[in-house]
Amino acid sequence: MQLRNVTKARIAVENLELADNIAGRFIGLMGRKNLADDSGLLITKCNSIHMFFMRFAIDAVFINREMTVVRIVRNLQPWRLAGCRDAAHTLELPAGGAQRCGIETGDELEIVEHVLVSRRAPFAEQPDP
């Protein structure tokens, strides 16, 4: 999956992971050594996060039900907490990721599913040799 910034008409996160169940929301990024610059974790139904047992800093992007960015906490260090009462979801990016992705408060985001499209025309439409 990808995360598209509708406001800026560009892909913000190339490799988006989704944590949409209890286990995924609880574990989040714990235990990982890092998060690639082109990656992010979208935690659904989550308006606060903890950085307990984390090994690296992140940017936390809080998003409301309409998928609009309502708060960004930059460079959130391990063993810290962050939250936003108006948020419905939280996007976790590597530290500095919000700026690299061009995400700002007020931006509208959307999840984009990868769709494989063949570059070749269907067999029936190919001209005879």
Foldseek 3Di string as FASTA:
>chain_A
DWKAFPVVGGTLAPAEAEQEDDVCLVCPCAPDQFADLRYKYKYFQDFKDAQENPNAFWKKFFAAPQQFTADIDARHGHGDMDGDPRGGMIMIHHHVSCVVSVHDGGTHMDDDDDDDDDPDDPPVPDDDD
